[in-house]
Amino acid sequence: MRWENLTVESEGSEGSGGHGRAADAALFGADAVVSRTFDTPEFRGITFHEVRARSILNRVPGASRMPFEWTVNPYRGCSHACVYYFARKTHSYLDLDTGIGFDTQIVVKVNAPEVLRRQLASRRWQGDHVAMGTNVDCYQRAEGRYRLMPGIISALTEHANPFSILTKGTLILRDLDLLARAAEVTDVGISVSVGFTDAELWRTVEPGTPAPERRLDVVRALGERGIGCGVLMAPVIPFLSDDPAQLRATVRAIAAAGATSVTPLVLHLRPGAREWFMAWLGRHHPHLVRRYERLYAEGAYAPTWYQRRITRQVHELAQEYGIGPTRAGLPRRIRPAQAPEGPEVSEPTQLTLI
């Protein structure tokens, strides 16, 4: 594996330049890597590559569609094994397979909390918003063993640095007290990703994630603690989860969980993810392959007319069920800002979080 060749420019799907490092500097050297396997049911078949990162704050390129500039990604690869996941291509930078390798070869930046503390203390750091869960899930199963997020949240809290978390994992509930403490000193946004509630579809397309209803339990539990939680309804999968009745069922369940907002995002298929997803589609829904080839003929994104249709339907359902869509991609604040957020505009914004 090309550990020594991984630079800050290639770290993460956001492209990122590490805070305070030259663009041609390796993020970690080969001598810093320890590979481990654990003979427990939850980790069987997974290899963890423990590395000591030199930088943890990643800068998002200016051309990105992301509504934030900085990210923290304590892991690379994701045992959630979502067949559509956009970040699969990043594993090729390490000469790792972007299919099953992305699901089972997990890079763990074991010193992430210490490096983050050092970078936040730098005079060059301006206290910008830090987004987590935008590349791979920071609350995937590995977090149960490595427990990196408590230290990361604590470091951000110590510096009163605003941050947001997007997750499909229920493990975030372990850190409720830390999140509540952080919200006392800075703006904290929490979003849970629930694209659909179809159990059969979930089992095949997101096999390593908690069930959709368990994720909605997270939304409910956060609300009970007074922590507002939005839902990123992503991805809406063409011809598999976009039927009006399916959209209604999903938005109704999101509303019942007490979500503060719902933001729909249609499936997009970047290189790396596209090949893996289309292979899955050919095995499970071969009759849809030609329809997907036509729908995504122009590139990674579904046509604008399709995105707008889904966005309009979800927003109308959200209004019917008493939840308003937030401005797409912006973190929901636990601690109120100067004024409440305004109403959603009707035009969709396609992000690349999922």
Foldseek 3Di string as FASTA:
>chain_A
DPQQQAFLQLPFPLSFDFPPDDRRGGQFDPVFWDKDADPDVLQPQAIEIEGATQGFWTAGDPPALAPFGIEGEQKFAALLQQLQAALLVSVVSVVAASHVRSNHYMYGNLCRLVNLLVSLPDPPDDLGEYEYLQGHAPQGPVCVVSVPVLSNLVSCLVSLREYEHEHLAPCVVVCLVSVVSSLVRHWYFYEYEAQFQPQVVCCQRRVRGDHSLSSLLSQLVCVVVLFAYAYENPACEPPPQQDLVGLLVGLLSNLVSPHQAYAYAYRFHAPSSNVSVLVSCCVPPVVCNVVVCVQQVPHGDGDQVVRLVSLQSNQVSCVVSPHAHAAPNDGDTSHDDPDDGDGYDSRHDHHNRD
